[in-house]
Protein backbone atom coordinates (compact mmCIF):
# COMPACT_ATOMS: atom_id res chain seq x y z
CA MET A 1 59.55 -158.74 -45.11
CA ALA A 2 63.10 -157.81 -44.17
CA LEU A 3 64.20 -154.28 -43.36
CA GLU A 4 67.01 -152.61 -45.19
CA PRO A 5 70.25 -152.99 -43.18
CA LEU A 6 70.70 -149.20 -42.93
CA LEU A 7 67.17 -148.70 -41.61
CA LEU A 8 67.52 -151.57 -39.15
CA ALA A 9 70.81 -150.16 -37.84
CA VAL A 10 69.31 -146.69 -37.36
CA ILE A 11 66.17 -148.02 -35.65
CA CYS A 12 68.20 -150.17 -33.26
CA THR A 13 70.67 -147.38 -32.52
CA VAL A 14 67.80 -145.03 -31.67
CA ALA A 15 66.20 -147.76 -29.53
CA GLY A 16 69.46 -148.26 -27.61
CA SER A 17 69.72 -144.54 -27.00
CA VAL A 18 66.12 -144.32 -25.78
CA LEU A 19 66.80 -147.23 -23.43
CA ASN A 20 69.73 -145.31 -21.95
CA THR A 21 67.61 -142.20 -21.40
CA ILE A 22 65.02 -144.34 -19.62
CA ARG A 23 67.79 -145.92 -17.53
CA GLY A 24 69.01 -142.45 -16.59
CA TYR A 25 65.52 -141.37 -15.60
CA LEU A 26 64.97 -144.46 -13.47
CA ASN A 27 68.28 -143.87 -11.67
CA SER A 28 67.65 -140.15 -11.10
CA GLU A 29 66.45 -138.89 -7.77
CA GLY A 30 63.16 -137.09 -8.15
CA GLU A 31 63.84 -135.49 -11.52
CA SER A 32 61.03 -135.47 -14.04
CA TYR A 33 61.59 -137.18 -17.36
CA SER A 34 62.88 -134.66 -19.86
CA ALA A 35 61.37 -134.80 -23.33
CA ARG A 36 64.15 -132.46 -24.43
CA LYS A 37 66.78 -135.04 -23.43
CA LEU A 38 64.84 -137.74 -25.25
CA VAL A 39 64.65 -135.72 -28.47
CA GLY A 40 68.34 -134.87 -28.23
CA ALA A 41 69.19 -138.53 -27.74
CA ILE A 42 67.11 -139.52 -30.75
CA ILE A 43 68.78 -136.94 -32.98
CA VAL A 44 72.32 -137.87 -31.94
CA SER A 45 71.67 -141.60 -32.17
CA ALA A 46 69.96 -141.38 -35.57
CA PHE A 47 73.04 -139.74 -37.06
CA ALA A 48 75.26 -142.22 -35.25
CA GLY A 49 73.21 -145.10 -36.63
CA ILE A 50 73.64 -143.81 -40.16
CA ALA A 51 77.38 -143.41 -39.60
CA ILE A 52 77.69 -146.90 -38.13
CA ALA A 53 75.74 -148.46 -40.98
CA GLN A 54 77.93 -146.74 -43.55
CA ALA A 55 81.23 -147.31 -41.75
CA ILE A 56 81.00 -151.06 -41.20
CA ALA A 57 80.09 -153.77 -43.64
CA ILE A 58 76.58 -154.69 -42.53
CA ASP A 59 75.39 -155.99 -45.89
CA GLY A 60 76.62 -159.50 -45.17
CA MET A 61 75.36 -159.57 -41.58
CA ASN A 62 72.08 -161.06 -40.48
CA GLU A 63 69.37 -158.97 -38.85
CA VAL A 64 70.18 -160.13 -35.32
CA GLY A 65 73.82 -159.03 -35.65
CA ILE A 66 72.81 -155.63 -37.01
CA ALA A 67 70.26 -155.20 -34.22
CA ILE A 68 72.81 -156.05 -31.51
CA ILE A 69 75.38 -153.65 -32.94
CA GLY A 70 72.73 -150.92 -33.20
CA LEU A 71 71.37 -151.38 -29.68
CA THR A 72 74.77 -151.46 -28.01
CA SER A 73 76.06 -148.55 -30.06
CA GLY A 74 73.02 -146.40 -29.35
CA PHE A 75 73.21 -147.12 -25.65
CA ALA A 76 76.95 -146.39 -25.55
CA ILE A 77 76.67 -143.22 -27.62
CA ASP A 78 73.96 -141.75 -25.43
CA TYR A 79 75.82 -142.79 -22.27
CA ALA A 80 79.00 -141.09 -23.51
CA VAL A 81 77.18 -137.90 -24.50
CA SER A 82 75.39 -137.80 -21.14
CA LYS A 83 78.66 -138.24 -19.23
CA ALA A 84 80.39 -135.59 -21.34
CA LYS A 85 77.60 -133.11 -20.62
CA LYS A 86 77.80 -133.78 -16.89
CA GLU A 87 81.58 -133.30 -16.90
CA THR A 88 81.46 -130.00 -18.77
CA LEU A 89 78.44 -128.57 -16.96
CA GLY A 90 79.03 -129.69 -13.49
């Protein structure tokens, strides 16, 4: 049973974003893991996954290619949002 390309892209983008929030937590010094940051990352990456899936031609791609694009995009999107927040807040 194959997933729809749009759903696969969104799932992988969210997964990449969650991985980046975990990476940030593991690299933090004594901070507790913030569920608020995780929910924010999921929301931003879900919309980004939908945009990515609609902006590029993923219909002809195989599942592995879609998954790689989703994971890397989600990770990069969350990383960029995190850096932007740090720059503006601190």
